[in-house]
């Protein structure tokens, strides 16, 4: 897939402005094993100086779209809880 640099830049800005990303396989540059798949993902809290880690939920695009609000809520809850544990452990 090839599209203008301005569109690419806009997509990067959209991803940078949110804590949750939703990616559809059909929108990726290279083919994937499951063309009708999607993923909702976010970065998780890590101790200072550690590399970034992420967590994601994969599934068929239609299911991900139908449950996007529920799934993003669960990811935010998970990252909040991990942040709380990390704060306790580093205190």
Foldseek 3Di string as FASTA:
>chain_A
DDDDPVVVVVVVVVVVVDQKDKAQQCPDPDHDPDNQKIKIKGWADDPPPDDIDMDIDMDGNVVCVVCVVVVVVVRVVVRVVRVVVVVVVVD
